[in-house]
Amino acid sequence: MFIPEKIYYEQVIENYELGKELLEKYKDVHKVIIDNHNNIEEMRKKENSEFPKMKRNLIIGTRKTHKYVPNFKVSNFLVPYEIIYFS
């Protein structure tokens, strides 16, 4: 069972049932509130050699854009959706 070492999360996830469930499930894990799950300065500054350790964190955020993205490799478009990242 995955137990994260640290949780980075956008505070808006507290408005979602799944966000509340995850925060409750991991209530004993150290948490850091972030502005944007795509731009975590602490993570960006780490060396590539630290990647295996960074994968022990849980990052939770919401999708900011709600537009269709062309993707001709698998389908015509990727559909927008709410996303939760496990890294």
PDB file of N, CA and C in Angstrom:
ATOM      1  N   MET A   1       0.838  -1.184   0.000  1.00  0.00           N
ATOM      2  CA  MET A   1       0.000   0.000   0.000  1.00  0.00           C
ATOM      3  C   MET A   1       0.879   1.241   0.000  1.00  0.00           C
ATOM      4  N   PHE A   2       0.544   2.185  -0.872  1.00  0.00           N
ATOM      5  CA  PHE A   2       1.315   3.423  -0.997  1.00  0.00           C
ATOM      6  C   PHE A   2       0.995   4.366   0.154  1.00  0.00           C
ATOM      7  N   ILE A   3       2.024   4.764   0.887  1.00  0.00           N
ATOM      8  CA  ILE A   3       1.914   5.800   1.915  1.00  0.00           C
ATOM      9  C   ILE A   3       2.916   6.886   1.525  1.00  0.00           C
ATOM     10  N   PRO A   4       2.433   8.070   1.137  1.00  0.00           N
ATOM     11  CA  PRO A   4       3.356   9.121   0.704  1.00  0.00           C
ATOM     12  C   PRO A   4       4.178   9.664   1.870  1.00  0.00           C
ATOM     13  N   GLU A   5       5.372  10.151   1.540  1.00  0.00           N
ATOM     14  CA  GLU A   5       6.211  10.798   2.548  1.00  0.00           C
ATOM     15  C   GLU A   5       5.742  12.217   2.805  1.00  0.00           C
ATOM     16  N   LYS A   6       5.219  12.859   1.746  1.00  0.00           N
ATOM     17  CA  LYS A   6       4.749  14.243   1.843  1.00  0.00           C
ATOM     18  C   LYS A   6       3.636  14.426   0.826  1.00  0.00           C
ATOM     19  N   ILE A   7       2.698  15.313   1.130  1.00  0.00           N
ATOM     20  CA  ILE A   7       1.609  15.617   0.201  1.00  0.00           C
ATOM     21  C   ILE A   7       1.673  17.092  -0.157  1.00  0.00           C
ATOM     22  N   TYR A   8       1.724  17.371  -1.450  1.00  0.00           N
ATOM     23  CA  TYR A   8       1.616  18.727  -1.973  1.00  0.00           C
ATOM     24  C   TYR A   8       0.213  18.840  -2.546  1.00  0.00           C
ATOM     25  N   TYR A   9      -0.529  19.866  -2.138  1.00  0.00           N
ATOM     26  CA  TYR A   9      -1.895  19.954  -2.655  1.00  0.00           C
ATOM     27  C   TYR A   9      -2.358  21.402  -2.810  1.00  0.00           C
ATOM     28  N   GLU A  10      -3.217  21.581  -3.804  1.00  0.00           N
ATOM     29  CA  GLU A  10      -3.878  22.866  -4.001  1.00  0.00           C
ATOM     30  C   GLU A  10      -5.040  22.923  -3.026  1.00  0.00           C
ATOM     31  N   GLN A  11      -5.189  24.019  -2.329  1.00  0.00           N
ATOM     32  CA  GLN A  11      -6.209  24.116  -1.295  1.00  0.00           C
ATOM     33  C   GLN A  11      -7.619  23.901  -1.838  1.00  0.00           C
ATOM     34  N   VAL A  12      -7.837  24.175  -3.116  1.00  0.00           N
ATOM     35  CA  VAL A  12      -9.161  24.006  -3.717  1.00  0.00           C
ATOM     36  C   VAL A  12      -9.645  22.558  -3.665  1.00  0.00           C
ATOM     37  N   ILE A  13      -8.744  21.602  -3.526  1.00  0.00           N
ATOM     38  CA  ILE A  13      -9.184  20.200  -3.486  1.00  0.00           C
ATOM     39  C   ILE A  13     -10.029  19.903  -2.253  1.00  0.00           C
ATOM     40  N   GLU A  14      -9.961  20.781  -1.261  1.00  0.00           N
ATOM     41  CA  GLU A  14     -10.788  20.609  -0.068  1.00  0.00           C
ATOM     42  C   GLU A  14     -12.279  20.771  -0.395  1.00  0.00           C
ATOM     43  N   ASN A  15     -12.586  21.320  -1.574  1.00  0.00           N
ATOM     44  CA  ASN A  15     -13.978  21.499  -2.013  1.00  0.00           C
ATOM     45  C   ASN A  15     -14.518  20.271  -2.735  1.00  0.00           C
ATOM     46  N   TYR A  16     -13.690  19.259  -2.942  1.00  0.00           N
ATOM     47  CA  TYR A  16     -14.082  18.060  -3.668  1.00  0.00           C
ATOM     48  C   TYR A  16     -14.113  16.868  -2.719  1.00  0.00           C
ATOM     49  N   GLU A  17     -15.069  16.000  -2.920  1.00  0.00           N
ATOM     50  CA  GLU A  17     -15.212  14.829  -2.063  1.00  0.00           C
ATOM     51  C   GLU A  17     -13.933  13.977  -2.066  1.00  0.00           C
ATOM     52  N   LEU A  18     -13.383  13.723  -3.253  1.00  0.00           N
ATOM     53  CA  LEU A  18     -12.170  12.910  -3.330  1.00  0.00           C
ATOM     54  C   LEU A  18     -11.005  13.606  -2.637  1.00  0.00           C
ATOM     55  N   GLY A  19     -10.906  14.911  -2.779  1.00  0.00           N
ATOM     56  CA  GLY A  19      -9.851  15.656  -2.089  1.00  0.00           C
ATOM     57  C   GLY A  19      -9.961  15.514  -0.586  1.00  0.00           C
ATOM     58  N   LYS A  20     -11.175  15.641  -0.071  1.00  0.00           N
ATOM     59  CA  LYS A  20     -11.407  15.474   1.364  1.00  0.00           C
ATOM     60  C   LYS A  20     -11.036  14.064   1.812  1.00  0.00           C
ATOM     61  N   GLU A  21     -11.430  13.074   1.015  1.00  0.00           N
ATOM     62  CA  GLU A  21     -11.114  11.679   1.356  1.00  0.00           C
ATOM     63  C   GLU A  21      -9.611  11.443   1.421  1.00  0.00           C
ATOM     64  N   LEU A  22      -8.879  11.974   0.449  1.00  0.00           N
ATOM     65  CA  LEU A  22      -7.426  11.767   0.433  1.00  0.00           C
ATOM     66  C   LEU A  22      -6.752  12.468   1.603  1.00  0.00           C
ATOM     67  N   LEU A  23      -7.181  13.688   1.916  1.00  0.00           N
ATOM     68  CA  LEU A  23      -6.591  14.395   3.050  1.00  0.00           C
ATOM     69  C   LEU A  23      -6.884  13.667   4.359  1.00  0.00           C
ATOM     70  N   GLU A  24      -8.065  13.099   4.471  1.00  0.00           N
ATOM     71  CA  GLU A  24      -8.410  12.341   5.671  1.00  0.00           C
ATOM     72  C   GLU A  24      -7.622  11.023   5.722  1.00  0.00           C
ATOM     73  N   LYS A  25      -7.549  10.348   4.590  1.00  0.00           N
ATOM     74  CA  LYS A  25      -6.837   9.070   4.539  1.00  0.00           C
ATOM     75  C   LYS A  25      -5.380   9.220   4.955  1.00  0.00           C
ATOM     76  N   TYR A  26      -4.769  10.315   4.548  1.00  0.00           N
ATOM     77  CA  TYR A  26      -3.354  10.560   4.850  1.00  0.00           C
ATOM     78  C   TYR A  26      -3.191  11.693   5.855  1.00  0.00           C
ATOM     79  N   LYS A  27      -4.063  11.740   6.851  1.00  0.00           N
ATOM     80  CA  LYS A  27      -4.058  12.853   7.806  1.00  0.00           C
ATOM     81  C   LYS A  27      -2.764  12.950   8.611  1.00  0.00           C
ATOM     82  N   ASP A  28      -2.024  11.859   8.734  1.00  0.00           N
ATOM     83  CA  ASP A  28      -0.785  11.875   9.514  1.00  0.00           C
ATOM     84  C   ASP A  28       0.447  12.203   8.667  1.00  0.00           C
ATOM     85  N   VAL A  29       0.255  12.426   7.372  1.00  0.00           N
ATOM     86  CA  VAL A  29       1.369  12.731   6.473  1.00  0.00           C
ATOM     87  C   VAL A  29       1.564  14.246   6.410  1.00  0.00           C
ATOM     88  N   HIS A  30       2.824  14.685   6.412  1.00  0.00           N
ATOM     89  CA  HIS A  30       3.145  16.115   6.312  1.00  0.00           C
ATOM     90  C   HIS A  30       2.577  16.675   5.004  1.00  0.00           C
ATOM     91  N   LYS A  31       1.904  17.826   5.082  1.00  0.00           N
ATOM     92  CA  LYS A  31       1.265  18.427   3.914  1.00  0.00           C
ATOM     93  C   LYS A  31       1.809  19.825   3.643  1.00  0.00           C
ATOM     94  N   VAL A  32       1.883  20.150   2.349  1.00  0.00           N
ATOM     95  CA  VAL A  32       2.329  21.464   1.910  1.00  0.00           C
ATOM     96  C   VAL A  32       1.287  22.000   0.940  1.00  0.00           C
ATOM     97  N   ILE A  33       0.734  23.167   1.242  1.00  0.00           N
ATOM     98  CA  ILE A  33      -0.232  23.795   0.332  1.00  0.00           C
ATOM     99  C   ILE A  33       0.546  24.496  -0.772  1.00  0.00           C
ATOM    100  N   ILE A  34       0.119  24.262  -2.025  1.00  0.00           N
ATOM    101  CA  ILE A  34       0.782  24.843  -3.190  1.00  0.00           C
ATOM    102  C   ILE A  34      -0.231  25.639  -4.006  1.00  0.00           C
ATOM    103  N   ASP A  35       0.273  26.526  -4.863  1.00  0.00           N
ATOM    104  CA  ASP A  35      -0.605  27.322  -5.729  1.00  0.00           C
ATOM    105  C   ASP A  35      -0.991  26.558  -6.984  1.00  0.00           C
ATOM    106  N   ASN A  36      -0.052  25.764  -7.498  1.00  0.00           N
ATOM    107  CA  ASN A  36      -0.274  25.121  -8.786  1.00  0.00           C
ATOM    108  C   ASN A  36       0.461  23.778  -8.819  1.00  0.00           C
ATOM    109  N   HIS A  37      -0.266  22.701  -9.076  1.00  0.00           N
ATOM    110  CA  HIS A  37       0.361  21.377  -9.079  1.00  0.00           C
ATOM    111  C   HIS A  37       1.343  21.190 -10.236  1.00  0.00           C
ATOM    112  N   ASN A  38       1.296  22.063 -11.231  1.00  0.00           N
ATOM    113  CA  ASN A  38       2.226  21.979 -12.357  1.00  0.00           C
ATOM    114  C   ASN A  38       3.507  22.774 -12.140  1.00  0.00           C
ATOM    115  N   ASN A  39       3.599  23.481 -11.025  1.00  0.00           N
ATOM    116  CA  ASN A  39       4.747  24.348 -10.810  1.00  0.00           C
ATOM    117  C   ASN A  39       5.106  24.358  -9.319  1.00  0.00           C
ATOM    118  N   ILE A  40       5.744  23.303  -8.872  1.00  0.00           N
ATOM    119  CA  ILE A  40       6.160  23.199  -7.478  1.00  0.00           C
ATOM    120  C   ILE A  40       7.651  23.497  -7.429  1.00  0.00           C
ATOM    121  N   GLU A  41       7.984  24.701  -6.966  1.00  0.00           N
ATOM    122  CA  GLU A  41       9.369  25.167  -7.004  1.00  0.00           C
ATOM    123  C   GLU A  41      10.321  24.213  -6.284  1.00  0.00           C
ATOM    124  N   GLU A  42       9.914  23.729  -5.129  1.00  0.00           N
ATOM    125  CA  GLU A  42      10.754  22.804  -4.365  1.00  0.00           C
ATOM    126  C   GLU A  42      11.120  21.566  -5.187  1.00  0.00           C
ATOM    127  N   MET A  43      10.178  21.079  -5.984  1.00  0.00           N
ATOM    128  CA  MET A  43      10.430  19.894  -6.815  1.00  0.00           C
ATOM    129  C   MET A  43      11.286  20.244  -8.029  1.00  0.00           C
ATOM    130  N   ARG A  44      11.029  21.405  -8.621  1.00  0.00           N
ATOM    131  CA  ARG A  44      11.793  21.798  -9.816  1.00  0.00           C
ATOM    132  C   ARG A  44      13.274  21.967  -9.527  1.00  0.00           C
ATOM    133  N   LYS A  45      13.615  22.365  -8.322  1.00  0.00           N
ATOM    134  CA  LYS A  45      15.011  22.633  -7.975  1.00  0.00           C
ATOM    135  C   LYS A  45      15.821  21.369  -7.711  1.00  0.00           C
ATOM    136  N   LYS A  46      15.156  20.243  -7.579  1.00  0.00           N
ATOM    137  CA  LYS A  46      15.864  19.000  -7.260  1.00  0.00           C
ATOM    138  C   LYS A  46      16.585  18.438  -8.490  1.00  0.00           C
ATOM    139  N   GLU A  47      17.659  17.749  -8.224  1.00  0.00           N
ATOM    140  CA  GLU A  47      18.438  17.106  -9.280  1.00  0.00           C
ATOM    141  C   GLU A  47      17.693  15.877  -9.809  1.00  0.00           C
ATOM    142  N   ASN A  48      17.969  15.515 -11.045  1.00  0.00           N
ATOM    143  CA  ASN A  48      17.341  14.331 -11.632  1.00  0.00           C
ATOM    144  C   ASN A  48      17.636  13.071 -10.819  1.00  0.00           C
ATOM    145  N   SER A  49      18.764  13.035 -10.170  1.00  0.00           N
ATOM    146  CA  SER A  49      19.119  11.858  -9.373  1.00  0.00           C
ATOM    147  C   SER A  49      18.170  11.661  -8.183  1.00  0.00           C
ATOM    148  N   GLU A  50      17.429  12.700  -7.821  1.00  0.00           N
ATOM    149  CA  GLU A  50      16.489  12.609  -6.709  1.00  0.00           C
ATOM    150  C   GLU A  50      15.095  12.151  -7.159  1.00  0.00           C
ATOM    151  N   PHE A  51      14.951  11.860  -8.441  1.00  0.00           N
ATOM    152  CA  PHE A  51      13.642  11.482  -8.970  1.00  0.00           C
ATOM    153  C   PHE A  51      13.014  10.292  -8.243  1.00  0.00           C
ATOM    154  N   PRO A  52      13.745   9.212  -7.972  1.00  0.00           N
ATOM    155  CA  PRO A  52      13.113   8.088  -7.247  1.00  0.00           C
ATOM    156  C   PRO A  52      12.541   8.504  -5.888  1.00  0.00           C
ATOM    157  N   LYS A  53      13.220   9.387  -5.193  1.00  0.00           N
ATOM    158  CA  LYS A  53      12.721   9.857  -3.896  1.00  0.00           C
ATOM    159  C   LYS A  53      11.501  10.763  -4.082  1.00  0.00           C
ATOM    160  N   MET A  54      11.498  11.578  -5.118  1.00  0.00           N
ATOM    161  CA  MET A  54      10.375  12.478  -5.371  1.00  0.00           C
ATOM    162  C   MET A  54       9.098  11.694  -5.678  1.00  0.00           C
ATOM    163  N   LYS A  55       9.242  10.489  -6.190  1.00  0.00           N
ATOM    164  CA  LYS A  55       8.073   9.671  -6.508  1.00  0.00           C
ATOM    165  C   LYS A  55       7.355   9.176  -5.260  1.00  0.00           C
ATOM    166  N   ARG A  56       7.923   9.408  -4.116  1.00  0.00           N
ATOM    167  CA  ARG A  56       7.289   9.002  -2.855  1.00  0.00           C
ATOM    168  C   ARG A  56       6.329  10.060  -2.324  1.00  0.00           C
ATOM    169  N   ASN A  57       6.165  11.157  -3.077  1.00  0.00           N
ATOM    170  CA  ASN A  57       5.255  12.225  -2.691  1.00  0.00           C
ATOM    171  C   ASN A  57       3.937  12.081  -3.438  1.00  0.00           C
ATOM    172  N   LEU A  58       2.889  12.655  -2.864  1.00  0.00           N
ATOM    173  CA  LEU A  58       1.586  12.696  -3.505  1.00  0.00           C
ATOM    174  C   LEU A  58       1.295  14.152  -3.840  1.00  0.00           C
ATOM    175  N   ILE A  59       0.946  14.405  -5.099  1.00  0.00           N
ATOM    176  CA  ILE A  59       0.623  15.757  -5.551  1.00  0.00           C
ATOM    177  C   ILE A  59      -0.827  15.751  -6.000  1.00  0.00           C
ATOM    178  N   ILE A  60      -1.629  16.641  -5.408  1.00  0.00           N
ATOM    179  CA  ILE A  60      -3.051  16.681  -5.707  1.00  0.00           C
ATOM    180  C   ILE A  60      -3.412  18.082  -6.186  1.00  0.00           C
ATOM    181  N   GLY A  61      -4.068  18.142  -7.349  1.00  0.00           N
ATOM    182  CA  GLY A  61      -4.494  19.430  -7.876  1.00  0.00           C
ATOM    183  C   GLY A  61      -5.678  19.262  -8.798  1.00  0.00           C
ATOM    184  N   THR A  62      -6.151  20.352  -9.324  1.00  0.00           N
ATOM    185  CA  THR A  62      -7.271  20.312 -10.257  1.00  0.00           C
ATOM    186  C   THR A  62      -6.841  20.896 -11.594  1.00  0.00           C
ATOM    187  N   ARG A  63      -7.492  20.447 -12.611  1.00  0.00           N
ATOM    188  CA  ARG A  63      -7.223  20.916 -13.962  1.00  0.00           C
ATOM    189  C   ARG A  63      -7.706  22.351 -14.095  1.00  0.00           C
ATOM    190  N   LYS A  64      -6.859  23.213 -14.648  1.00  0.00           N
ATOM    191  CA  LYS A  64      -7.192  24.637 -14.788  1.00  0.00           C
ATOM    192  C   LYS A  64      -7.814  24.950 -16.149  1.00  0.00           C
ATOM    193  N   THR A  65      -7.418  24.207 -17.165  1.00  0.00           N
ATOM    194  CA  THR A  65      -7.951  24.463 -18.507  1.00  0.00           C
ATOM    195  C   THR A  65      -9.013  23.431 -18.816  1.00  0.00           C
ATOM    196  N   HIS A  66     -10.000  23.843 -19.542  1.00  0.00           N
ATOM    197  CA  HIS A  66     -11.089  22.941 -19.905  1.00  0.00           C
ATOM    198  C   HIS A  66     -11.310  22.977 -21.408  1.00  0.00           C
ATOM    199  N   LYS A  67     -10.229  22.885 -22.134  1.00  0.00           N
ATOM    200  CA  LYS A  67     -10.336  22.886 -23.590  1.00  0.00           C
ATOM    201  C   LYS A  67      -9.869  21.533 -24.125  1.00  0.00           C
ATOM    202  N   TYR A  68     -10.354  21.201 -25.271  1.00  0.00           N
ATOM    203  CA  TYR A  68      -9.942  19.963 -25.916  1.00  0.00           C
ATOM    204  C   TYR A  68      -8.561  20.154 -26.520  1.00  0.00           C
ATOM    205  N   VAL A  69      -7.737  19.130 -26.425  1.00  0.00           N
ATOM    206  CA  VAL A  69      -6.371  19.186 -26.922  1.00  0.00           C
ATOM    207  C   VAL A  69      -6.227  18.182 -28.056  1.00  0.00           C
ATOM    208  N   PRO A  70      -5.812  18.637 -29.234  1.00  0.00           N
ATOM    209  CA  PRO A  70      -5.618  17.676 -30.332  1.00  0.00           C
ATOM    210  C   PRO A  70      -4.580  16.625 -29.956  1.00  0.00           C
ATOM    211  N   ASN A  71      -4.894  15.386 -30.304  1.00  0.00           N
ATOM    212  CA  ASN A  71      -3.984  14.284 -30.019  1.00  0.00           C
ATOM    213  C   ASN A  71      -4.259  13.206 -31.059  1.00  0.00           C
ATOM    214  N   PHE A  72      -3.474  13.178 -32.098  1.00  0.00           N
ATOM    215  CA  PHE A  72      -3.742  12.266 -33.204  1.00  0.00           C
ATOM    216  C   PHE A  72      -3.015  10.935 -33.076  1.00  0.00           C
ATOM    217  N   LYS A  73      -2.275  10.743 -31.985  1.00  0.00           N
ATOM    218  CA  LYS A  73      -1.588   9.468 -31.783  1.00  0.00           C
ATOM    219  C   LYS A  73      -2.578   8.377 -31.375  1.00  0.00           C
ATOM    220  N   VAL A  74      -3.521   8.715 -30.489  1.00  0.00           N
ATOM    221  CA  VAL A  74      -4.433   7.719 -29.952  1.00  0.00           C
ATOM    222  C   VAL A  74      -5.885   8.000 -30.352  1.00  0.00           C
ATOM    223  N   SER A  75      -6.215   9.282 -30.475  1.00  0.00           N
ATOM    224  CA  SER A  75      -7.582   9.680 -30.813  1.00  0.00           C
ATOM    225  C   SER A  75      -7.520  11.069 -31.440  1.00  0.00           C
ATOM    226  N   ASN A  76      -8.655  11.633 -31.717  1.00  0.00           N
ATOM    227  CA  ASN A  76      -8.662  12.974 -32.287  1.00  0.00           C
ATOM    228  C   ASN A  76      -8.403  14.051 -31.246  1.00  0.00           C
ATOM    229  N   PHE A  77      -8.930  13.849 -30.025  1.00  0.00           N
ATOM    230  CA  PHE A  77      -8.776  14.839 -28.968  1.00  0.00           C
ATOM    231  C   PHE A  77      -8.645  14.157 -27.613  1.00  0.00           C
ATOM    232  N   LEU A  78      -8.014  14.861 -26.678  1.00  0.00           N
ATOM    233  CA  LEU A  78      -8.027  14.459 -25.279  1.00  0.00           C
ATOM    234  C   LEU A  78      -9.129  15.263 -24.612  1.00  0.00           C
ATOM    235  N   VAL A  79      -9.964  14.613 -23.850  1.00  0.00           N
ATOM    236  CA  VAL A  79     -11.083  15.274 -23.192  1.00  0.00           C
ATOM    237  C   VAL A  79     -10.630  15.853 -21.863  1.00  0.00           C
ATOM    238  N   PRO A  80     -11.041  17.084 -21.534  1.00  0.00           N
ATOM    239  CA  PRO A  80     -10.658  17.648 -20.233  1.00  0.00           C
ATOM    240  C   PRO A  80     -11.330  16.895 -19.102  1.00  0.00           C
ATOM    241  N   TYR A  81     -10.633  16.790 -17.977  1.00  0.00           N
ATOM    242  CA  TYR A  81     -11.164  16.077 -16.821  1.00  0.00           C
ATOM    243  C   TYR A  81     -10.436  16.564 -15.592  1.00  0.00           C
ATOM    244  N   GLU A  82     -11.019  16.300 -14.441  1.00  0.00           N
ATOM    245  CA  GLU A  82     -10.348  16.590 -13.184  1.00  0.00           C
ATOM    246  C   GLU A  82      -9.296  15.521 -12.994  1.00  0.00           C
ATOM    247  N   ILE A  83      -8.142  15.921 -12.533  1.00  0.00           N
ATOM    248  CA  ILE A  83      -7.050  14.952 -12.426  1.00  0.00           C
ATOM    249  C   ILE A  83      -6.397  15.007 -11.065  1.00  0.00           C
ATOM    250  N   ILE A  84      -5.965  13.893 -10.625  1.00  0.00           N
ATOM    251  CA  ILE A  84      -5.179  13.791  -9.410  1.00  0.00           C
ATOM    252  C   ILE A  84      -3.894  13.079  -9.784  1.00  0.00           C
ATOM    253  N   TYR A  85      -2.765  13.684  -9.442  1.00  0.00           N
ATOM    254  CA  TYR A  85      -1.471  13.130  -9.790  1.00  0.00           C
ATOM    255  C   TYR A  85      -0.919  12.313  -8.640  1.00  0.00           C
ATOM    256  N   PHE A  86      -0.447  11.163  -8.927  1.00  0.00           N
ATOM    257  CA  PHE A  86       0.303  10.371  -7.971  1.00  0.00           C
ATOM    258  C   PHE A  86       1.709  10.307  -8.501  1.00  0.00           C
ATOM    259  N   SER A  87       2.622  10.872  -7.767  1.00  0.00           N
ATOM    260  CA  SER A  87       4.002  10.837  -8.254  1.00  0.00           C
ATOM    261  C   SER A  87       4.915  10.225  -7.251  1.00  0.00           C
TER     262      SER A  87
END
